[in-house]
Amino acid sequence: MVYRIFEKCAGQTGAACLAAMLVTLFARWLAVRERCPVLTFMLPGIFPLVPGAGIYWTSYYLVMNHMDEALTTGYGAVKCAGGIVLGIVLAFEIPQKLFRFPEKEL
């Protein structure tokens, strides 16, 4: 949903970065709350952002020897993947103590 909202104003790369950042922040919060690894919650949220169609069309154009189209779609897929990685890295730079719940005193 975040990707679709920001796609028009931030472009595909910016929207992928923002969506990946939000998914990672939410996954970190849930991981602390549920006492599970972060990847348990992060991977299902990141998979829909992966540019599978761009990778498919890049390989198709390479096989069909249409190098201009392969370069264009491949560059877009790499930019989108880079945006996802950047969003994950930026979200992991936030200190872990901000995600912890206050301890209850007995």
C-alpha atoms as a PDB file:
ATOM      1  CA  MET A   1       0.000   0.000   0.000  1.00  0.00           C
ATOM      2  CA  VAL A   2       2.845   2.403   0.866  1.00  0.00           C
ATOM      3  CA  TYR A   3       4.522   1.559  -2.434  1.00  0.00           C
ATOM      4  CA  ARG A   4       1.384   2.406  -4.422  1.00  0.00           C
ATOM      5  CA  ILE A   5       0.811   5.657  -2.520  1.00  0.00           C
ATOM      6  CA  PHE A   6       4.349   6.986  -3.045  1.00  0.00           C
ATOM      7  CA  GLU A   7       4.957   5.531  -6.523  1.00  0.00           C
ATOM      8  CA  LYS A   8       3.593   8.564  -8.363  1.00  0.00           C
ATOM      9  CA  CYS A   9       5.443  11.231  -6.373  1.00  0.00           C
ATOM     10  CA  ALA A  10       8.672   9.402  -5.397  1.00  0.00           C
ATOM     11  CA  GLY A  11       9.097   7.070  -8.379  1.00  0.00           C
ATOM     12  CA  GLN A  12       9.580   3.325  -8.244  1.00  0.00           C
ATOM     13  CA  THR A  13      12.908   3.427  -6.437  1.00  0.00           C
ATOM     14  CA  GLY A  14      11.803   5.910  -3.779  1.00  0.00           C
ATOM     15  CA  ALA A  15       8.521   4.115  -3.210  1.00  0.00           C
ATOM     16  CA  ALA A  16      10.333   0.772  -2.844  1.00  0.00           C
ATOM     17  CA  CYS A  17      12.743   2.356  -0.357  1.00  0.00           C
ATOM     18  CA  LEU A  18       9.960   3.859   1.756  1.00  0.00           C
ATOM     19  CA  ALA A  19       7.887   0.673   1.688  1.00  0.00           C
ATOM     20  CA  ALA A  20      10.888  -1.489   2.633  1.00  0.00           C
ATOM     21  CA  MET A  21      11.727   0.906   5.458  1.00  0.00           C
ATOM     22  CA  LEU A  22       8.196   0.741   6.839  1.00  0.00           C
ATOM     23  CA  VAL A  23       8.068  -3.068   6.549  1.00  0.00           C
ATOM     24  CA  THR A  24      11.418  -3.380   8.331  1.00  0.00           C
ATOM     25  CA  LEU A  25      10.441  -1.012  11.135  1.00  0.00           C
ATOM     26  CA  PHE A  26       7.188  -2.882  11.676  1.00  0.00           C
ATOM     27  CA  ALA A  27       9.022  -6.234  11.548  1.00  0.00           C
ATOM     28  CA  ARG A  28      11.524  -5.054  14.165  1.00  0.00           C
ATOM     29  CA  TRP A  29       8.710  -3.912  16.440  1.00  0.00           C
ATOM     30  CA  LEU A  30       6.852  -7.219  16.044  1.00  0.00           C
ATOM     31  CA  ALA A  31      10.053  -9.210  16.580  1.00  0.00           C
ATOM     32  CA  VAL A  32      10.592  -7.561  19.961  1.00  0.00           C
ATOM     33  CA  ARG A  33       6.936  -7.892  20.915  1.00  0.00           C
ATOM     34  CA  GLU A  34       6.644 -11.559  19.932  1.00  0.00           C
ATOM     35  CA  ARG A  35      10.249 -12.508  20.793  1.00  0.00           C
ATOM     36  CA  CYS A  36      10.934 -13.909  17.326  1.00  0.00           C
ATOM     37  CA  PRO A  37      13.630 -13.253  14.728  1.00  0.00           C
ATOM     38  CA  VAL A  38      13.110 -10.140  12.590  1.00  0.00           C
ATOM     39  CA  LEU A  39      13.261 -12.155   9.358  1.00  0.00           C
ATOM     40  CA  THR A  40      10.100 -14.001  10.369  1.00  0.00           C
ATOM     41  CA  PHE A  41       8.116 -10.811   9.862  1.00  0.00           C
ATOM     42  CA  MET A  42      10.302  -8.978   7.351  1.00  0.00           C
ATOM     43  CA  LEU A  43      10.496 -11.512   4.502  1.00  0.00           C
ATOM     44  CA  PRO A  44       6.743 -11.801   3.836  1.00  0.00           C
ATOM     45  CA  GLY A  45       6.568  -8.009   3.620  1.00  0.00           C
ATOM     46  CA  ILE A  46       9.589  -7.599   1.347  1.00  0.00           C
ATOM     47  CA  PHE A  47       8.743 -10.327  -1.209  1.00  0.00           C
ATOM     48  CA  PRO A  48       5.933  -8.338  -2.885  1.00  0.00           C
ATOM     49  CA  LEU A  49       8.339  -5.434  -3.430  1.00  0.00           C
ATOM     50  CA  VAL A  50      10.914  -7.487  -5.369  1.00  0.00           C
ATOM     51  CA  PRO A  51      10.864  -6.464  -9.055  1.00  0.00           C
ATOM     52  CA  GLY A  52      10.171  -9.929 -10.467  1.00  0.00           C
ATOM     53  CA  ALA A  53       8.568  -8.692 -13.680  1.00  0.00           C
ATOM     54  CA  GLY A  54      11.539  -6.429 -14.391  1.00  0.00           C
ATOM     55  CA  ILE A  55      13.951  -9.311 -13.938  1.00  0.00           C
ATOM     56  CA  TYR A  56      11.803 -11.544 -16.143  1.00  0.00           C
ATOM     57  CA  TRP A  57      11.573  -9.009 -18.965  1.00  0.00           C
ATOM     58  CA  THR A  58      15.289  -8.262 -18.758  1.00  0.00           C
ATOM     59  CA  SER A  59      16.156 -11.918 -19.263  1.00  0.00           C
ATOM     60  CA  TYR A  60      13.533 -12.215 -22.024  1.00  0.00           C
ATOM     61  CA  TYR A  61      14.964  -9.248 -23.928  1.00  0.00           C
ATOM     62  CA  LEU A  62      18.484 -10.622 -23.525  1.00  0.00           C
ATOM     63  CA  VAL A  63      17.454 -13.969 -25.005  1.00  0.00           C
ATOM     64  CA  MET A  64      15.604 -12.241 -27.847  1.00  0.00           C
ATOM     65  CA  ASN A  65      18.695 -10.048 -28.487  1.00  0.00           C
ATOM     66  CA  HIS A  66      16.879  -6.744 -27.834  1.00  0.00           C
ATOM     67  CA  MET A  67      19.697  -5.123 -25.917  1.00  0.00           C
ATOM     68  CA  ASP A  68      18.172  -1.636 -25.596  1.00  0.00           C
ATOM     69  CA  GLU A  69      15.032  -2.937 -23.915  1.00  0.00           C
ATOM     70  CA  ALA A  70      17.089  -5.343 -21.761  1.00  0.00           C
ATOM     71  CA  LEU A  71      19.260  -2.481 -20.551  1.00  0.00           C
ATOM     72  CA  THR A  72      16.263  -0.286 -19.767  1.00  0.00           C
ATOM     73  CA  THR A  73      14.275  -2.901 -17.849  1.00  0.00           C
ATOM     74  CA  GLY A  74      17.390  -4.278 -16.145  1.00  0.00           C
ATOM     75  CA  TYR A  75      18.435  -0.846 -14.937  1.00  0.00           C
ATOM     76  CA  GLY A  76      14.948  -0.234 -13.517  1.00  0.00           C
ATOM     77  CA  ALA A  77      14.970  -3.609 -11.724  1.00  0.00           C
ATOM     78  CA  VAL A  78      18.399  -2.965 -10.226  1.00  0.00           C
ATOM     79  CA  LYS A  79      17.345   0.508  -9.065  1.00  0.00           C
ATOM     80  CA  CYS A  80      14.229  -0.924  -7.403  1.00  0.00           C
ATOM     81  CA  ALA A  81      16.261  -3.673  -5.703  1.00  0.00           C
ATOM     82  CA  GLY A  82      18.760  -1.046  -4.531  1.00  0.00           C
ATOM     83  CA  GLY A  83      15.920   1.013  -3.076  1.00  0.00           C
ATOM     84  CA  ILE A  84      14.688  -2.020  -1.140  1.00  0.00           C
ATOM     85  CA  VAL A  85      18.169  -2.660   0.253  1.00  0.00           C
ATOM     86  CA  LEU A  86      18.592   0.993   1.190  1.00  0.00           C
ATOM     87  CA  GLY A  87      15.251   1.011   3.018  1.00  0.00           C
ATOM     88  CA  ILE A  88      16.202  -2.095   5.003  1.00  0.00           C
ATOM     89  CA  VAL A  89      19.610  -0.699   5.916  1.00  0.00           C
ATOM     90  CA  LEU A  90      18.189   2.658   7.003  1.00  0.00           C
ATOM     91  CA  ALA A  91      15.567   0.969   9.184  1.00  0.00           C
ATOM     92  CA  PHE A  92      18.204  -1.204  10.864  1.00  0.00           C
ATOM     93  CA  GLU A  93      20.244   1.892  11.749  1.00  0.00           C
ATOM     94  CA  ILE A  94      17.649   2.863  14.354  1.00  0.00           C
ATOM     95  CA  PRO A  95      18.837   1.684  17.793  1.00  0.00           C
ATOM     96  CA  GLN A  96      17.225  -1.496  19.115  1.00  0.00           C
ATOM     97  CA  LYS A  97      16.380   0.062  22.474  1.00  0.00           C
ATOM     98  CA  LEU A  98      13.680   2.190  20.811  1.00  0.00           C
ATOM     99  CA  PHE A  99      11.742  -0.985  20.014  1.00  0.00           C
ATOM    100  CA  ARG A 100      11.840  -2.462  23.504  1.00  0.00           C
ATOM    101  CA  PHE A 101       8.851  -2.329  25.796  1.00  0.00           C
ATOM    102  CA  PRO A 102       9.335  -0.871  29.273  1.00  0.00           C
ATOM    103  CA  GLU A 103       9.961  -3.546  31.881  1.00  0.00           C
ATOM    104  CA  LYS A 104       7.280  -3.915  34.526  1.00  0.00           C
ATOM    105  CA  GLU A 105       8.565  -3.762  38.066  1.00  0.00           C
ATOM    106  CA  LEU A 106       7.350  -6.401  40.471  1.00  0.00           C
END
